[in-house]
C-alpha cells in the first residue's frame, strides 16, 4: 500500500521553516521512507516569504508539490497560508498560526492587509476548505516560557496527520534542538500534537 504524503511548509524568514523541514524529513527518513525536499528561499533576512516542499513515501520521484495536491500545509504565518492556498484541495489539512506579521519599511509602501479573521473566513468559506486548524502559537509558546518553541508546537500539531510514529518525532527533535531546550521542545511538541480543529 502506498503511503506517500506531500507537505508544504511556509512562513517568513526566521520563523523556523527550514529547521522544521529538516525535522520532518529526518523523521520520515528514519522510518525508512523515501524523502525528497526542495527549499524555496525568499528574501529571508528581510522577512521575505520562505517555503519548503517535502514529499515522503514508498516511491517519490520529485520534491516539488503540484498545485492542489498537498496533503498538509504547515504555515507559521497566516498571511503566508493565503499565499500558498493554491496548493490545497478539499482534503488538505491546513495547520497554521492564527496570526501573522508583515514588515513595513516606510510609510510610502504601507499595505492595507486583510484582518486575520477575514483570511480565516476566506479560507473556510470562500475557498471551502474544511480541514483548517488555527493555532495561537505565540500565546502557547509564551505560556511555556519561550517564544522560540512556537514552531515546535506547529510541528506537533501537523505530526498527528502523518504516517510517522510519535517516538520517532521525539527522537529527531532531541537531535536537532539545543540540549538545554530538549525538555521544553518535547513539551511543546506533545502539546501541539493534542491540538485539533
Protein backbone atom coordinates (compact mmCIF):
# COMPACT_ATOMS: atom_id res chain seq x y z
CA UNK A 1 0.00 0.00 0.00
CA UNK A 2 1.36 3.40 -0.95
CA UNK A 3 1.67 5.92 1.86
CA UNK A 4 3.02 8.94 0.04
CA UNK A 5 2.47 12.36 1.57
CA UNK A 6 3.18 15.87 0.34
CA UNK A 7 3.79 18.57 2.96
CA UNK A 8 4.20 22.25 2.12
CA UNK A 9 5.84 24.28 4.90
CA UNK A 10 5.68 28.06 4.63
CA UNK A 11 6.33 31.18 6.63
CA UNK A 12 8.53 34.22 6.99
CA UNK A 13 12.31 34.15 7.12
CA UNK A 14 13.50 33.45 10.66
CA UNK A 15 10.39 31.53 11.79
CA UNK A 16 11.98 28.11 11.50
CA UNK A 17 10.64 26.90 8.16
CA UNK A 18 13.95 25.31 7.13
CA UNK A 19 14.55 23.67 10.52
CA UNK A 20 11.01 22.32 10.55
CA UNK A 21 11.52 20.83 7.10
CA UNK A 22 14.71 19.19 8.36
CA UNK A 23 12.96 17.66 11.38
CA UNK A 24 10.05 16.34 9.31
CA UNK A 25 12.27 14.93 6.55
CA UNK A 26 14.64 13.24 9.03
CA UNK A 27 11.69 11.74 10.90
CA UNK A 28 10.37 10.25 7.66
CA UNK A 29 13.85 9.08 6.62
CA UNK A 30 14.40 7.30 9.96
CA UNK A 31 11.24 5.32 9.31
CA UNK A 32 12.73 4.17 6.01
CA UNK A 33 10.57 6.29 3.74
CA UNK A 34 11.95 7.73 0.53
CA UNK A 35 12.20 11.50 1.14
CA UNK A 36 12.60 14.42 -1.27
CA UNK A 37 12.72 18.09 -0.26
CA UNK A 38 13.11 21.37 -2.07
CA UNK A 39 13.62 24.63 -0.20
CA UNK A 40 12.43 27.85 -1.77
CA UNK A 41 14.10 30.79 -0.07
CA UNK A 42 12.72 34.27 -0.44
CA UNK A 43 14.44 37.33 0.95
CA UNK A 44 14.53 35.67 4.35
CA UNK A 45 16.82 38.21 6.01
CA UNK A 46 14.28 40.91 5.18
CA UNK A 47 11.28 38.96 6.38
CA UNK A 48 10.52 37.50 2.96
CA UNK A 49 8.39 34.51 2.12
CA UNK A 50 10.11 31.14 2.64
CA UNK A 51 8.74 27.70 1.80
CA UNK A 52 9.83 24.08 1.74
CA UNK A 53 8.29 21.37 -0.42
CA UNK A 54 8.62 17.98 1.27
CA UNK A 55 7.40 14.65 -0.04
CA UNK A 56 7.90 11.23 1.51
CA UNK A 57 6.60 7.71 0.97
CA UNK A 58 7.35 4.45 -0.76
CA UNK A 59 8.28 5.93 -4.13
CA UNK A 60 8.99 9.63 -4.54
CA UNK A 61 10.38 10.92 -7.84
CA UNK A 62 10.31 14.68 -7.36
CA UNK A 63 10.23 17.00 -4.34
CA UNK A 64 8.01 19.64 -5.92
CA UNK A 65 4.35 19.55 -4.98
CA UNK A 66 1.95 20.28 -7.86
CA UNK A 67 -0.84 22.76 -7.24
CA UNK A 68 -3.91 21.40 -5.43
CA UNK A 69 -2.14 18.22 -4.28
CA UNK A 70 -0.65 18.99 -0.84
CA UNK A 71 -1.77 16.62 1.89
CA UNK A 72 -0.65 19.04 4.60
CA UNK A 73 0.09 22.76 4.57
CA UNK A 74 2.06 23.76 7.64
CA UNK A 75 2.22 27.54 7.92
CA UNK A 76 3.93 29.71 10.50
CA UNK A 77 2.21 32.87 9.29
CA UNK A 78 -1.46 33.33 8.41
CA UNK A 79 -0.69 35.67 5.51
CA UNK A 80 1.61 33.01 4.04
CA UNK A 81 -1.18 30.45 4.34
CA UNK A 82 -3.21 32.56 1.97
CA UNK A 83 -0.21 32.97 -0.36
CA UNK A 84 0.18 29.19 -0.74
CA UNK A 85 -3.50 28.21 -0.60
CA UNK A 86 -3.48 27.10 -4.25
CA UNK A 87 -1.54 24.01 -3.18
CA UNK A 88 -4.55 22.82 -1.16
CA UNK A 89 -7.55 20.77 -2.17
CA UNK A 90 -10.72 19.80 -0.31
CA UNK A 91 -8.87 17.09 1.65
CA UNK A 92 -5.75 19.08 2.57
CA UNK A 93 -5.01 19.53 6.27
CA UNK A 94 -4.09 23.17 6.81
CA UNK A 95 -2.32 23.82 10.11
CA UNK A 96 -1.49 27.49 10.53
CA UNK A 97 -0.52 30.09 13.07
CA UNK A 98 -3.64 32.13 13.82
CA UNK A 99 -1.76 35.39 13.33
CA UNK A 100 0.93 36.84 11.10
CA UNK A 101 3.45 39.58 10.72
CA UNK A 102 4.28 41.90 7.89
CA UNK A 103 7.30 44.16 7.73
CA UNK A 104 6.51 47.72 6.59
CA UNK A 105 9.74 49.53 5.73
CA UNK A 106 8.29 53.00 5.29
CA UNK A 107 5.03 54.90 5.18
CA UNK A 108 5.43 55.09 1.40
CA UNK A 109 4.76 51.38 0.91
CA UNK A 110 2.19 50.61 3.59
CA UNK A 111 -0.16 47.87 2.54
CA UNK A 112 -3.77 47.55 3.63
CA UNK A 113 -3.66 43.99 4.87
CA UNK A 114 -6.78 41.94 5.42
CA UNK A 115 -7.62 41.11 9.03
CA UNK A 116 -6.77 37.69 10.42
CA UNK A 117 -10.50 36.96 10.75
CA UNK A 118 -11.16 37.79 7.10
CA UNK A 119 -8.32 35.49 5.99
CA UNK A 120 -9.74 32.62 8.01
CA UNK A 121 -13.21 33.31 6.57
CA UNK A 122 -11.76 33.37 3.05
CA UNK A 123 -10.06 30.01 3.56
CA UNK A 124 -13.05 28.29 5.16
CA UNK A 125 -15.96 29.99 3.38
CA UNK A 126 -14.76 31.39 0.05
CA UNK A 127 -12.36 28.52 -0.70
CA UNK A 128 -14.48 25.98 1.22
CA UNK A 129 -11.56 24.28 2.97
CA UNK A 130 -12.90 22.35 5.95
CA UNK A 131 -9.70 20.89 7.42
CA UNK A 132 -8.28 24.09 8.89
CA UNK A 133 -6.59 24.20 12.29
CA UNK A 134 -5.52 27.61 13.56
CA UNK A 135 -3.11 27.74 16.49
CA UNK A 136 -2.18 30.75 18.61
CA UNK A 137 1.44 29.66 18.77
CA UNK A 138 2.65 32.92 20.25
CA UNK A 139 0.33 32.66 23.23
CA UNK A 140 1.07 28.96 23.83
CA UNK A 141 4.83 29.46 23.49
CA UNK A 142 4.77 32.35 25.95
CA UNK A 143 2.82 30.22 28.41
CA UNK A 144 5.56 27.59 28.06
CA UNK A 145 8.12 30.29 28.80
CA UNK A 146 9.95 30.57 25.47
CA UNK A 147 8.63 32.05 22.21
CA UNK A 148 11.29 30.08 20.31
CA UNK A 149 9.29 26.84 20.65
CA UNK A 150 6.41 28.25 18.57
CA UNK A 151 7.46 26.25 15.50
CA UNK A 152 7.72 23.05 17.57
CA UNK A 153 4.08 23.47 18.60
CA UNK A 154 3.01 23.55 14.95
CA UNK A 155 5.23 20.59 14.04
CA UNK A 156 3.47 18.67 16.80
CA UNK A 157 0.05 19.71 15.52
CA UNK A 158 0.87 18.55 11.99
CA UNK A 159 2.56 15.32 13.12
CA UNK A 160 -0.75 13.71 14.07
CA UNK A 161 -1.73 13.64 10.39
CA UNK A 162 1.43 11.89 9.16
CA UNK A 163 2.43 8.23 8.98
CA UNK A 164 5.38 8.84 11.30
CA UNK A 165 5.38 7.42 14.83
CA UNK A 166 5.41 9.75 17.85
CA UNK A 167 8.62 8.28 19.27
CA UNK A 168 10.45 8.89 16.01
CA UNK A 169 9.39 12.54 16.10
CA UNK A 170 10.68 12.89 19.65
CA UNK A 171 13.99 11.20 18.84
CA UNK A 172 14.64 13.51 15.87
CA UNK A 173 13.55 16.55 17.82
CA UNK A 174 16.09 15.78 20.55
CA UNK A 175 18.86 15.57 17.96
CA UNK A 176 18.03 18.90 16.33
CA UNK A 177 17.40 21.35 19.15
CA UNK A 178 19.88 22.76 21.69
CA UNK A 179 20.49 20.34 24.56
CA UNK A 180 19.24 22.79 27.16
CA UNK A 181 15.88 23.13 25.37
CA UNK A 182 15.10 19.45 24.77
CA UNK A 183 12.58 19.09 27.61
CA UNK A 184 10.81 22.31 26.64
CA UNK A 185 10.66 21.36 22.96
CA UNK A 186 9.31 17.90 23.81
CA UNK A 187 6.59 19.52 25.92
CA UNK A 188 5.74 21.95 23.12
CA UNK A 189 5.63 19.14 20.54
CA UNK A 190 3.35 16.94 22.64
CA UNK A 191 1.09 19.88 23.42
CA UNK A 192 0.82 20.65 19.71
CA UNK A 193 0.10 17.02 18.92
CA UNK A 194 -3.08 17.23 21.01
CA UNK A 195 -4.45 20.25 19.17
CA UNK A 196 -7.43 19.51 16.98
CA UNK A 197 -9.80 21.52 14.83
